[in-house]
Amino acid sequence: MSEDLEKSKIYDRFERVTEQTKDLLEKMEQLQLQITEVLEENAELTIENEHLHKLIAENQQENESAELSSSRQNLQKLYEQGFHVCNEYYGKRLDHHESCTFCLDAIFGRRGNGAN
C-alpha cells in the first residue's frame, strides 16, 4: 500500500510541475507580446525622431534669413541685387560674382549680442 501511496505522490507532484510549466509558458507568451509591442513602438519612434531631426535642420536653414531683423533683411536684398551695403562701398555695384566680407559682416555679423 505504501508503494501505491508513493506512486500517487509522484503523480501529484508531476501534475503540479506540469501546471506550473503551463502557467510559466503562458506568462512568457504574454511577455513576448509585450516585448514585441515595445519594440514596434521603439522602431516607430526612432523613425519619427529621425524625421523630426531632418525637419528641424531644414527649418533652421530656411529660417536663417528670418532670424535677421527687417533692416538687415533689406540690406541682404540689396546685396543680392548686386550692391555694396558696407560702410566702405555703400551703394556701389558689386562686380559679377564678387562677394564682400564687409557687406556680409554688415548683414550677418554681431547678431548674437543684440546689435542690429
PDB file of N, CA and C in Angstrom:
ATOM      1  N   MET A   1       0.807  -1.184   0.000  1.00  0.00           N
ATOM      2  CA  MET A   1       0.000   0.000   0.000  1.00  0.00           C
ATOM      3  C   MET A   1       0.858   1.260   0.000  1.00  0.00           C
ATOM      4  N   SER A   2       1.920   1.249   0.727  1.00  0.00           N
ATOM      5  CA  SER A   2       2.791   2.415   0.770  1.00  0.00           C
ATOM      6  C   SER A   2       3.429   2.681  -0.579  1.00  0.00           C
ATOM      7  N   GLU A   3       3.628   1.623  -1.339  1.00  0.00           N
ATOM      8  CA  GLU A   3       4.183   1.798  -2.672  1.00  0.00           C
ATOM      9  C   GLU A   3       3.183   2.529  -3.572  1.00  0.00           C
ATOM     10  N   ASP A   4       1.905   2.197  -3.459  1.00  0.00           N
ATOM     11  CA  ASP A   4       0.863   2.897  -4.222  1.00  0.00           C
ATOM     12  C   ASP A   4       0.773   4.364  -3.799  1.00  0.00           C
ATOM     13  N   LEU A   5       0.941   4.614  -2.513  1.00  0.00           N
ATOM     14  CA  LEU A   5       0.907   5.976  -1.989  1.00  0.00           C
ATOM     15  C   LEU A   5       2.068   6.792  -2.551  1.00  0.00           C
ATOM     16  N   GLU A   6       3.244   6.184  -2.621  1.00  0.00           N
ATOM     17  CA  GLU A   6       4.417   6.855  -3.199  1.00  0.00           C
ATOM     18  C   GLU A   6       4.187   7.198  -4.670  1.00  0.00           C
ATOM     19  N   LYS A   7       3.624   6.273  -5.419  1.00  0.00           N
ATOM     20  CA  LYS A   7       3.357   6.499  -6.845  1.00  0.00           C
ATOM     21  C   LYS A   7       2.329   7.620  -7.015  1.00  0.00           C
ATOM     22  N   SER A   8       1.362   7.659  -6.134  1.00  0.00           N
ATOM     23  CA  SER A   8       0.349   8.705  -6.191  1.00  0.00           C
ATOM     24  C   SER A   8       0.961  10.067  -5.909  1.00  0.00           C
ATOM     25  N   LYS A   9       1.855  10.139  -4.928  1.00  0.00           N
ATOM     26  CA  LYS A   9       2.531  11.409  -4.625  1.00  0.00           C
ATOM     27  C   LYS A   9       3.392  11.870  -5.793  1.00  0.00           C
ATOM     28  N   ILE A  10       4.058  10.916  -6.417  1.00  0.00           N
ATOM     29  CA  ILE A  10       4.897  11.271  -7.577  1.00  0.00           C
ATOM     30  C   ILE A  10       4.017  11.808  -8.700  1.00  0.00           C
ATOM     31  N   TYR A  11       2.903  11.161  -8.933  1.00  0.00           N
ATOM     32  CA  TYR A  11       1.994  11.611  -9.985  1.00  0.00           C
ATOM     33  C   TYR A  11       1.431  12.996  -9.662  1.00  0.00           C
ATOM     34  N   ASP A  12       1.025  13.203  -8.405  1.00  0.00           N
ATOM     35  CA  ASP A  12       0.522  14.515  -7.986  1.00  0.00           C
ATOM     36  C   ASP A  12       1.583  15.592  -8.158  1.00  0.00           C
ATOM     37  N   ARG A  13       2.783  15.255  -7.785  1.00  0.00           N
ATOM     38  CA  ARG A  13       3.892  16.212  -7.936  1.00  0.00           C
ATOM     39  C   ARG A  13       4.125  16.518  -9.403  1.00  0.00           C
ATOM     40  N   PHE A  14       4.074  15.500 -10.254  1.00  0.00           N
ATOM     41  CA  PHE A  14       4.259  15.693 -11.684  1.00  0.00           C
ATOM     42  C   PHE A  14       3.160  16.601 -12.247  1.00  0.00           C
ATOM     43  N   GLU A  15       1.918  16.410 -11.791  1.00  0.00           N
ATOM     44  CA  GLU A  15       0.813  17.263 -12.233  1.00  0.00           C
ATOM     45  C   GLU A  15       1.036  18.715 -11.822  1.00  0.00           C
ATOM     46  N   ARG A  16       1.507  18.954 -10.610  1.00  0.00           N
ATOM     47  CA  ARG A  16       1.779  20.317 -10.148  1.00  0.00           C
ATOM     48  C   ARG A  16       2.870  20.965 -10.994  1.00  0.00           C
ATOM     49  N   VAL A  17       3.937  20.222 -11.243  1.00  0.00           N
ATOM     50  CA  VAL A  17       5.024  20.766 -12.069  1.00  0.00           C
ATOM     51  C   VAL A  17       4.519  21.051 -13.479  1.00  0.00           C
ATOM     52  N   THR A  18       3.686  20.198 -14.016  1.00  0.00           N
ATOM     53  CA  THR A  18       3.118  20.403 -15.352  1.00  0.00           C
ATOM     54  C   THR A  18       2.266  21.671 -15.375  1.00  0.00           C
ATOM     55  N   GLU A  19       1.430  21.875 -14.381  1.00  0.00           N
ATOM     56  CA  GLU A  19       0.605  23.078 -14.293  1.00  0.00           C
ATOM     57  C   GLU A  19       1.467  24.327 -14.150  1.00  0.00           C
ATOM     58  N   GLN A  20       2.497  24.254 -13.338  1.00  0.00           N
ATOM     59  CA  GLN A  20       3.402  25.395 -13.167  1.00  0.00           C
ATOM     60  C   GLN A  20       4.100  25.719 -14.482  1.00  0.00           C
ATOM     61  N   THR A  21       4.478  24.681 -15.213  1.00  0.00           N
ATOM     62  CA  THR A  21       5.132  24.882 -16.502  1.00  0.00           C
ATOM     63  C   THR A  21       4.168  25.542 -17.487  1.00  0.00           C
ATOM     64  N   LYS A  22       2.913  25.087 -17.502  1.00  0.00           N
ATOM     65  CA  LYS A  22       1.910  25.705 -18.377  1.00  0.00           C
ATOM     66  C   LYS A  22       1.707  27.176 -18.017  1.00  0.00           C
ATOM     67  N   ASP A  23       1.613  27.464 -16.711  1.00  0.00           N
ATOM     68  CA  ASP A  23       1.458  28.851 -16.267  1.00  0.00           C
ATOM     69  C   ASP A  23       2.651  29.698 -16.690  1.00  0.00           C
ATOM     70  N   LEU A  24       3.840  29.138 -16.511  1.00  0.00           N
ATOM     71  CA  LEU A  24       5.052  29.866 -16.892  1.00  0.00           C
ATOM     72  C   LEU A  24       5.082  30.117 -18.388  1.00  0.00           C
ATOM     73  N   LEU A  25       4.690  29.133 -19.171  1.00  0.00           N
ATOM     74  CA  LEU A  25       4.653  29.280 -20.627  1.00  0.00           C
ATOM     75  C   LEU A  25       3.667  30.376 -21.031  1.00  0.00           C
ATOM     76  N   GLU A  26       2.505  30.397 -20.382  1.00  0.00           N
ATOM     77  CA  GLU A  26       1.522  31.433 -20.678  1.00  0.00           C
ATOM     78  C   GLU A  26       2.058  32.821 -20.335  1.00  0.00           C
ATOM     79  N   LYS A  27       2.718  32.951 -19.209  1.00  0.00           N
ATOM     80  CA  LYS A  27       3.303  34.237 -18.819  1.00  0.00           C
ATOM     81  C   LYS A  27       4.404  34.652 -19.792  1.00  0.00           C
ATOM     82  N   MET A  28       5.186  33.695 -20.258  1.00  0.00           N
ATOM     83  CA  MET A  28       6.250  34.005 -21.215  1.00  0.00           C
ATOM     84  C   MET A  28       5.667  34.466 -22.547  1.00  0.00           C
ATOM     85  N   GLU A  29       4.559  33.854 -22.982  1.00  0.00           N
ATOM     86  CA  GLU A  29       3.914  34.278 -24.216  1.00  0.00           C
ATOM     87  C   GLU A  29       3.369  35.701 -24.089  1.00  0.00           C
ATOM     88  N   GLN A  30       2.778  36.024 -22.937  1.00  0.00           N
ATOM     89  CA  GLN A  30       2.292  37.382 -22.694  1.00  0.00           C
ATOM     90  C   GLN A  30       3.446  38.380 -22.696  1.00  0.00           C
ATOM     91  N   LEU A  31       4.534  37.995 -22.063  1.00  0.00           N
ATOM     92  CA  LEU A  31       5.712  38.853 -22.022  1.00  0.00           C
ATOM     93  C   LEU A  31       6.287  39.061 -23.420  1.00  0.00           C
ATOM     94  N   GLN A  32       6.277  37.995 -24.231  1.00  0.00           N
ATOM     95  CA  GLN A  32       6.773  38.117 -25.597  1.00  0.00           C
ATOM     96  C   GLN A  32       5.915  39.101 -26.399  1.00  0.00           C
ATOM     97  N   LEU A  33       4.600  39.059 -26.213  1.00  0.00           N
ATOM     98  CA  LEU A  33       3.719  40.013 -26.897  1.00  0.00           C
ATOM     99  C   LEU A  33       4.015  41.448 -26.463  1.00  0.00           C
ATOM    100  N   GLN A  34       4.235  41.630 -25.176  1.00  0.00           N
ATOM    101  CA  GLN A  34       4.548  42.971 -24.674  1.00  0.00           C
ATOM    102  C   GLN A  34       5.882  43.458 -25.230  1.00  0.00           C
ATOM    103  N   ILE A  35       6.866  42.581 -25.292  1.00  0.00           N
ATOM    104  CA  ILE A  35       8.172  42.966 -25.844  1.00  0.00           C
ATOM    105  C   ILE A  35       8.025  43.343 -27.309  1.00  0.00           C
ATOM    106  N   THR A  36       7.231  42.582 -28.048  1.00  0.00           N
ATOM    107  CA  THR A  36       7.017  42.885 -29.465  1.00  0.00           C
ATOM    108  C   THR A  36       6.378  44.263 -29.628  1.00  0.00           C
ATOM    109  N   GLU A  37       5.377  44.561 -28.795  1.00  0.00           N
ATOM    110  CA  GLU A  37       4.730  45.875 -28.862  1.00  0.00           C
ATOM    111  C   GLU A  37       5.723  46.993 -28.557  1.00  0.00           C
ATOM    112  N   VAL A  38       6.547  46.792 -27.549  1.00  0.00           N
ATOM    113  CA  VAL A  38       7.523  47.823 -27.167  1.00  0.00           C
ATOM    114  C   VAL A  38       8.546  48.021 -28.287  1.00  0.00           C
ATOM    115  N   LEU A  39       9.014  46.934 -28.896  1.00  0.00           N
ATOM    116  CA  LEU A  39       9.987  47.052 -29.982  1.00  0.00           C
ATOM    117  C   LEU A  39       9.382  47.746 -31.200  1.00  0.00           C
ATOM    118  N   GLU A  40       8.119  47.444 -31.508  1.00  0.00           N
ATOM    119  CA  GLU A  40       7.467  48.117 -32.631  1.00  0.00           C
ATOM    120  C   GLU A  40       7.323  49.610 -32.353  1.00  0.00           C
ATOM    121  N   GLU A  41       6.908  49.947 -31.144  1.00  0.00           N
ATOM    122  CA  GLU A  41       6.767  51.355 -30.775  1.00  0.00           C
ATOM    123  C   GLU A  41       8.124  52.064 -30.827  1.00  0.00           C
ATOM    124  N   ASN A  42       9.160  51.384 -30.361  1.00  0.00           N
ATOM    125  CA  ASN A  42      10.507  51.952 -30.390  1.00  0.00           C
ATOM    126  C   ASN A  42      10.948  52.223 -31.832  1.00  0.00           C
ATOM    127  N   ALA A  43      10.676  51.280 -32.734  1.00  0.00           N
ATOM    128  CA  ALA A  43      11.043  51.475 -34.138  1.00  0.00           C
ATOM    129  C   ALA A  43      10.290  52.662 -34.735  1.00  0.00           C
ATOM    130  N   GLU A  44       8.998  52.767 -34.431  1.00  0.00           N
ATOM    131  CA  GLU A  44       8.209  53.891 -34.939  1.00  0.00           C
ATOM    132  C   GLU A  44       8.730  55.219 -34.404  1.00  0.00           C
ATOM    133  N   LEU A  45       9.050  55.249 -33.120  1.00  0.00           N
ATOM    134  CA  LEU A  45       9.546  56.488 -32.519  1.00  0.00           C
ATOM    135  C   LEU A  45      10.925  56.859 -33.067  1.00  0.00           C
ATOM    136  N   THR A  46      11.751  55.859 -33.337  1.00  0.00           N
ATOM    137  CA  THR A  46      13.066  56.130 -33.917  1.00  0.00           C
ATOM    138  C   THR A  46      12.918  56.766 -35.295  1.00  0.00           C
ATOM    139  N   ILE A  47      12.021  56.205 -36.105  1.00  0.00           N
ATOM    140  CA  ILE A  47      11.784  56.763 -37.446  1.00  0.00           C
ATOM    141  C   ILE A  47      11.224  58.181 -37.338  1.00  0.00           C
ATOM    142  N   GLU A  48      10.267  58.370 -36.454  1.00  0.00           N
ATOM    143  CA  GLU A  48       9.675  59.698 -36.268  1.00  0.00           C
ATOM    144  C   GLU A  48      10.728  60.694 -35.777  1.00  0.00           C
ATOM    145  N   ASN A  49      11.599  60.261 -34.881  1.00  0.00           N
ATOM    146  CA  ASN A  49      12.659  61.120 -34.360  1.00  0.00           C
ATOM    147  C   ASN A  49      13.607  61.547 -35.478  1.00  0.00           C
ATOM    148  N   GLU A  50      14.005  60.602 -36.331  1.00  0.00           N
ATOM    149  CA  GLU A  50      14.881  60.942 -37.455  1.00  0.00           C
ATOM    150  C   GLU A  50      14.188  61.938 -38.386  1.00  0.00           C
ATOM    151  N   HIS A  51      12.906  61.713 -38.628  1.00  0.00           N
ATOM    152  CA  HIS A  51      12.150  62.622 -39.500  1.00  0.00           C
ATOM    153  C   HIS A  51      12.096  64.027 -38.901  1.00  0.00           C
ATOM    154  N   LEU A  52      11.858  64.099 -37.600  1.00  0.00           N
ATOM    155  CA  LEU A  52      11.793  65.410 -36.940  1.00  0.00           C
ATOM    156  C   LEU A  52      13.151  66.110 -36.959  1.00  0.00           C
ATOM    157  N   HIS A  53      14.238  65.353 -36.796  1.00  0.00           N
ATOM    158  CA  HIS A  53      15.569  65.962 -36.875  1.00  0.00           C
ATOM    159  C   HIS A  53      15.811  66.560 -38.261  1.00  0.00           C
ATOM    160  N   LYS A  54      15.360  65.846 -39.309  1.00  0.00           N
ATOM    161  CA  LYS A  54      15.504  66.377 -40.669  1.00  0.00           C
ATOM    162  C   LYS A  54      14.687  67.652 -40.843  1.00  0.00           C
ATOM    163  N   LEU A  55      13.446  67.642 -40.325  1.00  0.00           N
ATOM    164  CA  LEU A  55      12.602  68.833 -40.431  1.00  0.00           C
ATOM    165  C   LEU A  55      13.212  70.022 -39.697  1.00  0.00           C
ATOM    166  N   ILE A  56      13.767  69.762 -38.525  1.00  0.00           N
ATOM    167  CA  ILE A  56      14.396  70.836 -37.753  1.00  0.00           C
ATOM    168  C   ILE A  56      15.563  71.415 -38.519  1.00  0.00           C
ATOM    169  N   ALA A  57      16.393  70.540 -39.095  1.00  0.00           N
ATOM    170  CA  ALA A  57      17.545  71.018 -39.866  1.00  0.00           C
ATOM    171  C   ALA A  57      17.088  71.851 -41.065  1.00  0.00           C
ATOM    172  N   GLU A  58      16.044  71.386 -41.758  1.00  0.00           N
ATOM    173  CA  GLU A  58      15.532  72.142 -42.904  1.00  0.00           C
ATOM    174  C   GLU A  58      14.968  73.491 -42.466  1.00  0.00           C
ATOM    175  N   ASN A  59      14.224  73.499 -41.366  1.00  0.00           N
ATOM    176  CA  ASN A  59      13.648  74.757 -40.868  1.00  0.00           C
ATOM    177  C   ASN A  59      14.722  75.733 -40.426  1.00  0.00           C
ATOM    178  N   GLN A  60      15.802  75.240 -39.841  1.00  0.00           N
ATOM    179  CA  GLN A  60      16.885  76.125 -39.427  1.00  0.00           C
ATOM    180  C   GLN A  60      17.515  76.793 -40.639  1.00  0.00           C
ATOM    181  N   GLN A  61      17.680  76.025 -41.713  1.00  0.00           N
ATOM    182  CA  GLN A  61      18.256  76.610 -42.924  1.00  0.00           C
ATOM    183  C   GLN A  61      17.294  77.634 -43.534  1.00  0.00           C
ATOM    184  N   GLU A  62      15.999  77.306 -43.571  1.00  0.00           N
ATOM    185  CA  GLU A  62      15.014  78.215 -44.160  1.00  0.00           C
ATOM    186  C   GLU A  62      14.840  79.475 -43.325  1.00  0.00           C
ATOM    187  N   ASN A  63      14.953  79.339 -42.022  1.00  0.00           N
ATOM    188  CA  ASN A  63      14.705  80.469 -41.134  1.00  0.00           C
ATOM    189  C   ASN A  63      15.943  81.329 -40.889  1.00  0.00           C
ATOM    190  N   GLU A  64      17.050  80.976 -41.521  1.00  0.00           N
ATOM    191  CA  GLU A  64      18.268  81.761 -41.296  1.00  0.00           C
ATOM    192  C   GLU A  64      18.045  83.228 -41.642  1.00  0.00           C
ATOM    193  N   SER A  65      17.390  83.479 -42.774  1.00  0.00           N
ATOM    194  CA  SER A  65      17.132  84.869 -43.137  1.00  0.00           C
ATOM    195  C   SER A  65      16.026  85.457 -42.270  1.00  0.00           C
ATOM    196  N   ALA A  66      15.116  84.640 -41.789  1.00  0.00           N
ATOM    197  CA  ALA A  66      14.041  85.143 -40.935  1.00  0.00           C
ATOM    198  C   ALA A  66      14.578  85.582 -39.578  1.00  0.00           C
ATOM    199  N   GLU A  67      15.747  85.090 -39.192  1.00  0.00           N
ATOM    200  CA  GLU A  67      16.347  85.489 -37.927  1.00  0.00           C
ATOM    201  C   GLU A  67      16.920  86.906 -38.002  1.00  0.00           C
ATOM    202  N   LEU A  68      17.089  87.401 -39.214  1.00  0.00           N
ATOM    203  CA  LEU A  68      17.604  88.755 -39.398  1.00  0.00           C
ATOM    204  C   LEU A  68      16.510  89.762 -39.107  1.00  0.00           C
ATOM    205  N   SER A  69      16.911  90.901 -38.588  1.00  0.00           N
ATOM    206  CA  SER A  69      15.941  91.986 -38.395  1.00  0.00           C
ATOM    207  C   SER A  69      15.509  92.471 -39.781  1.00  0.00           C
ATOM    208  N   SER A  70      14.436  93.232 -39.819  1.00  0.00           N
ATOM    209  CA  SER A  70      13.931  93.694 -41.114  1.00  0.00           C
ATOM    210  C   SER A  70      14.949  94.596 -41.819  1.00  0.00           C
ATOM    211  N   SER A  71      15.685  95.399 -41.048  1.00  0.00           N
ATOM    212  CA  SER A  71      16.698  96.261 -41.682  1.00  0.00           C
ATOM    213  C   SER A  71      17.824  95.420 -42.282  1.00  0.00           C
ATOM    214  N   ARG A  72      18.220  94.374 -41.590  1.00  0.00           N
ATOM    215  CA  ARG A  72      19.267  93.503 -42.138  1.00  0.00           C
ATOM    216  C   ARG A  72      18.738  92.715 -43.338  1.00  0.00           C
ATOM    217  N   GLN A  73      17.464  92.347 -43.306  1.00  0.00           N
ATOM    218  CA  GLN A  73      16.878  91.672 -44.464  1.00  0.00           C
ATOM    219  C   GLN A  73      16.890  92.595 -45.681  1.00  0.00           C
ATOM    220  N   ASN A  74      16.626  93.879 -45.450  1.00  0.00           N
ATOM    221  CA  ASN A  74      16.689  94.848 -46.556  1.00  0.00           C
ATOM    222  C   ASN A  74      18.116  94.952 -47.098  1.00  0.00           C
ATOM    223  N   LEU A  75      19.096  94.996 -46.205  1.00  0.00           N
ATOM    224  CA  LEU A  75      20.489  95.028 -46.650  1.00  0.00           C
ATOM    225  C   LEU A  75      20.828  93.773 -47.448  1.00  0.00           C
ATOM    226  N   GLN A  76      20.326  92.632 -46.992  1.00  0.00           N
ATOM    227  CA  GLN A  76      20.598  91.386 -47.701  1.00  0.00           C
ATOM    228  C   GLN A  76      19.998  91.423 -49.107  1.00  0.00           C
ATOM    229  N   LYS A  77      18.798  91.960 -49.233  1.00  0.00           N
ATOM    230  CA  LYS A  77      18.161  92.058 -50.550  1.00  0.00           C
ATOM    231  C   LYS A  77      18.972  92.961 -51.482  1.00  0.00           C
ATOM    232  N   LEU A  78      19.427  94.098 -50.963  1.00  0.00           N
ATOM    233  CA  LEU A  78      20.256  94.996 -51.785  1.00  0.00           C
ATOM    234  C   LEU A  78      21.542  94.304 -52.214  1.00  0.00           C
ATOM    235  N   TYR A  79      22.148  93.590 -51.287  1.00  0.00           N
ATOM    236  CA  TYR A  79      23.406  92.882 -51.578  1.00  0.00           C
ATOM    237  C   TYR A  79      23.168  91.819 -52.650  1.00  0.00           C
ATOM    238  N   GLU A  80      22.040  91.084 -52.533  1.00  0.00           N
ATOM    239  CA  GLU A  80      21.726  90.050 -53.521  1.00  0.00           C
ATOM    240  C   GLU A  80      21.422  90.660 -54.892  1.00  0.00           C
ATOM    241  N   GLN A  81      20.997  91.937 -54.928  1.00  0.00           N
ATOM    242  CA  GLN A  81      20.740  92.619 -56.194  1.00  0.00           C
ATOM    243  C   GLN A  81      22.021  93.180 -56.801  1.00  0.00           C
ATOM    244  N   GLY A  82      23.140  93.035 -56.076  1.00  0.00           N
ATOM    245  CA  GLY A  82      24.429  93.435 -56.651  1.00  0.00           C
ATOM    246  C   GLY A  82      24.978  94.744 -56.148  1.00  0.00           C
ATOM    247  N   PHE A  83      24.560  95.215 -54.981  1.00  0.00           N
ATOM    248  CA  PHE A  83      25.050  96.479 -54.435  1.00  0.00           C
ATOM    249  C   PHE A  83      25.769  96.240 -53.115  1.00  0.00           C
ATOM    250  N   HIS A  84      26.818  97.042 -52.894  1.00  0.00           N
ATOM    251  CA  HIS A  84      27.514  97.017 -51.604  1.00  0.00           C
ATOM    252  C   HIS A  84      26.600  97.613 -50.540  1.00  0.00           C
ATOM    253  N   VAL A  85      26.638  97.030 -49.342  1.00  0.00           N
ATOM    254  CA  VAL A  85      25.867  97.559 -48.223  1.00  0.00           C
ATOM    255  C   VAL A  85      26.783  97.880 -47.046  1.00  0.00           C
ATOM    256  N   CYS A  86      28.080  97.756 -47.264  1.00  0.00           N
ATOM    257  CA  CYS A  86      29.043  98.039 -46.199  1.00  0.00           C
ATOM    258  C   CYS A  86      29.334  99.553 -46.153  1.00  0.00           C
ATOM    259  N   ASN A  87      29.899 100.007 -45.051  1.00  0.00           N
ATOM    260  CA  ASN A  87      30.224 101.432 -44.888  1.00  0.00           C
ATOM    261  C   ASN A  87      31.233 101.894 -45.923  1.00  0.00           C
ATOM    262  N   GLU A  88      32.148 101.033 -46.276  1.00  0.00           N
ATOM    263  CA  GLU A  88      33.251 101.388 -47.179  1.00  0.00           C
ATOM    264  C   GLU A  88      32.761 101.711 -48.600  1.00  0.00           C
ATOM    265  N   TYR A  89      31.885 100.857 -49.135  1.00  0.00           N
ATOM    266  CA  TYR A  89      31.495 100.987 -50.545  1.00  0.00           C
ATOM    267  C   TYR A  89      29.986 101.101 -50.737  1.00  0.00           C
ATOM    268  N   TYR A  90      29.259 101.536 -49.760  1.00  0.00           N
ATOM    269  CA  TYR A  90      27.794 101.518 -49.793  1.00  0.00           C
ATOM    270  C   TYR A  90      27.250 102.115 -51.091  1.00  0.00           C
ATOM    271  N   GLY A  91      26.338 101.326 -51.730  1.00  0.00           N
ATOM    272  CA  GLY A  91      25.652 101.794 -52.928  1.00  0.00           C
ATOM    273  C   GLY A  91      26.396 101.520 -54.221  1.00  0.00           C
ATOM    274  N   LYS A  92      27.681 101.197 -54.159  1.00  0.00           N
ATOM    275  CA  LYS A  92      28.425 100.890 -55.381  1.00  0.00           C
ATOM    276  C   LYS A  92      28.069  99.481 -55.836  1.00  0.00           C
ATOM    277  N   ARG A  93      28.173  99.275 -57.147  1.00  0.00           N
ATOM    278  CA  ARG A  93      27.859  97.961 -57.719  1.00  0.00           C
ATOM    279  C   ARG A  93      28.969  96.962 -57.408  1.00  0.00           C
ATOM    280  N   LEU A  94      28.545  95.723 -57.111  1.00  0.00           N
ATOM    281  CA  LEU A  94      29.486  94.604 -56.978  1.00  0.00           C
ATOM    282  C   LEU A  94      29.842  94.112 -58.370  1.00  0.00           C
ATOM    283  N   ASP A  95      31.089  93.719 -58.584  1.00  0.00           N
ATOM    284  CA  ASP A  95      31.446  93.084 -59.845  1.00  0.00           C
ATOM    285  C   ASP A  95      30.732  91.736 -59.920  1.00  0.00           C
ATOM    286  N   HIS A  96      30.604  91.213 -61.125  1.00  0.00           N
ATOM    287  CA  HIS A  96      29.919  89.942 -61.345  1.00  0.00           C
ATOM    288  C   HIS A  96      30.555  88.839 -60.488  1.00  0.00           C
ATOM    289  N   HIS A  97      29.766  88.127 -59.704  1.00  0.00           N
ATOM    290  CA  HIS A  97      30.193  87.047 -58.796  1.00  0.00           C
ATOM    291  C   HIS A  97      31.162  87.522 -57.717  1.00  0.00           C
ATOM    292  N   GLU A  98      31.193  88.809 -57.431  1.00  0.00           N
ATOM    293  CA  GLU A  98      32.045  89.334 -56.371  1.00  0.00           C
ATOM    294  C   GLU A  98      31.316  89.205 -55.042  1.00  0.00           C
ATOM    295  N   SER A  99      32.074  88.930 -54.006  1.00  0.00           N
ATOM    296  CA  SER A  99      31.490  88.964 -52.663  1.00  0.00           C
ATOM    297  C   SER A  99      32.324  89.931 -51.835  1.00  0.00           C
ATOM    298  N   CYS A 100      31.708  90.484 -50.813  1.00  0.00           N
ATOM    299  CA  CYS A 100      32.385  91.470 -49.986  1.00  0.00           C
ATOM    300  C   CYS A 100      32.246  91.064 -48.523  1.00  0.00           C
ATOM    301  N   THR A 101      33.366  90.842 -47.886  1.00  0.00           N
ATOM    302  CA  THR A 101      33.360  90.434 -46.484  1.00  0.00           C
ATOM    303  C   THR A 101      32.746  91.511 -45.598  1.00  0.00           C
ATOM    304  N   PHE A 102      32.990  92.760 -45.914  1.00  0.00           N
ATOM    305  CA  PHE A 102      32.443  93.854 -45.116  1.00  0.00           C
ATOM    306  C   PHE A 102      30.915  93.882 -45.207  1.00  0.00           C
ATOM    307  N   CYS A 103      30.402  93.637 -46.415  1.00  0.00           N
ATOM    308  CA  CYS A 103      28.946  93.600 -46.599  1.00  0.00           C
ATOM    309  C   CYS A 103      28.342  92.435 -45.818  1.00  0.00           C
ATOM    310  N   LEU A 104      28.970  91.267 -45.929  1.00  0.00           N
ATOM    311  CA  LEU A 104      28.470  90.096 -45.214  1.00  0.00           C
ATOM    312  C   LEU A 104      28.500  90.322 -43.709  1.00  0.00           C
ATOM    313  N   ASP A 105      29.526  91.008 -43.243  1.00  0.00           N
ATOM    314  CA  ASP A 105      29.602  91.311 -41.817  1.00  0.00           C
ATOM    315  C   ASP A 105      28.502  92.299 -41.424  1.00  0.00           C
ATOM    316  N   ALA A 106      28.202  93.252 -42.315  1.00  0.00           N
ATOM    317  CA  ALA A 106      27.132  94.215 -42.025  1.00  0.00           C
ATOM    318  C   ALA A 106      25.767  93.514 -41.969  1.00  0.00           C
ATOM    319  N   ILE A 107      25.600  92.486 -42.793  1.00  0.00           N
ATOM    320  CA  ILE A 107      24.307  91.779 -42.827  1.00  0.00           C
ATOM    321  C   ILE A 107      24.211  90.752 -41.705  1.00  0.00           C
ATOM    322  N   PHE A 108      25.221  89.903 -41.578  1.00  0.00           N
ATOM    323  CA  PHE A 108      25.124  88.741 -40.687  1.00  0.00           C
ATOM    324  C   PHE A 108      25.943  88.862 -39.408  1.00  0.00           C
ATOM    325  N   GLY A 109      26.822  89.838 -39.314  1.00  0.00           N
ATOM    326  CA  GLY A 109      27.717  89.938 -38.169  1.00  0.00           C
ATOM    327  C   GLY A 109      27.050  90.438 -36.908  1.00  0.00           C
ATOM    328  N   ARG A 110      27.600  90.085 -35.775  1.00  0.00           N
ATOM    329  CA  ARG A 110      27.213  90.580 -34.440  1.00  0.00           C
ATOM    330  C   ARG A 110      25.732  90.423 -34.141  1.00  0.00           C
ATOM    331  N   ARG A 111      25.138  89.299 -34.534  1.00  0.00           N
ATOM    332  CA  ARG A 111      23.726  89.065 -34.246  1.00  0.00           C
ATOM    333  C   ARG A 111      23.542  88.531 -32.838  1.00  0.00           C
ATOM    334  N   GLY A 112      24.535  87.850 -32.296  1.00  0.00           N
ATOM    335  CA  GLY A 112      24.385  87.190 -31.006  1.00  0.00           C
ATOM    336  C   GLY A 112      24.336  88.128 -29.818  1.00  0.00           C
ATOM    337  N   ASN A 113      24.875  89.350 -29.924  1.00  0.00           N
ATOM    338  CA  ASN A 113      24.935  90.240 -28.764  1.00  0.00           C
ATOM    339  C   ASN A 113      23.862  91.320 -28.770  1.00  0.00           C
ATOM    340  N   GLY A 114      22.862  91.167 -29.629  1.00  0.00           N
ATOM    341  CA  GLY A 114      21.731  92.101 -29.606  1.00  0.00           C
ATOM    342  C   GLY A 114      21.916  93.290 -30.524  1.00  0.00           C
ATOM    343  N   ALA A 115      23.058  93.420 -31.188  1.00  0.00           N
ATOM    344  CA  ALA A 115      23.265  94.534 -32.113  1.00  0.00           C
ATOM    345  C   ALA A 115      22.554  94.244 -33.415  1.00  0.00           C
ATOM    346  N   ASN A 116      21.885  95.236 -33.978  1.00  0.00           N
ATOM    347  CA  ASN A 116      21.221  95.065 -35.266  1.00  0.00           C
ATOM    348  C   ASN A 116      21.842  95.967 -36.244  1.00  0.00           C
TER     349      ASN A 116
END
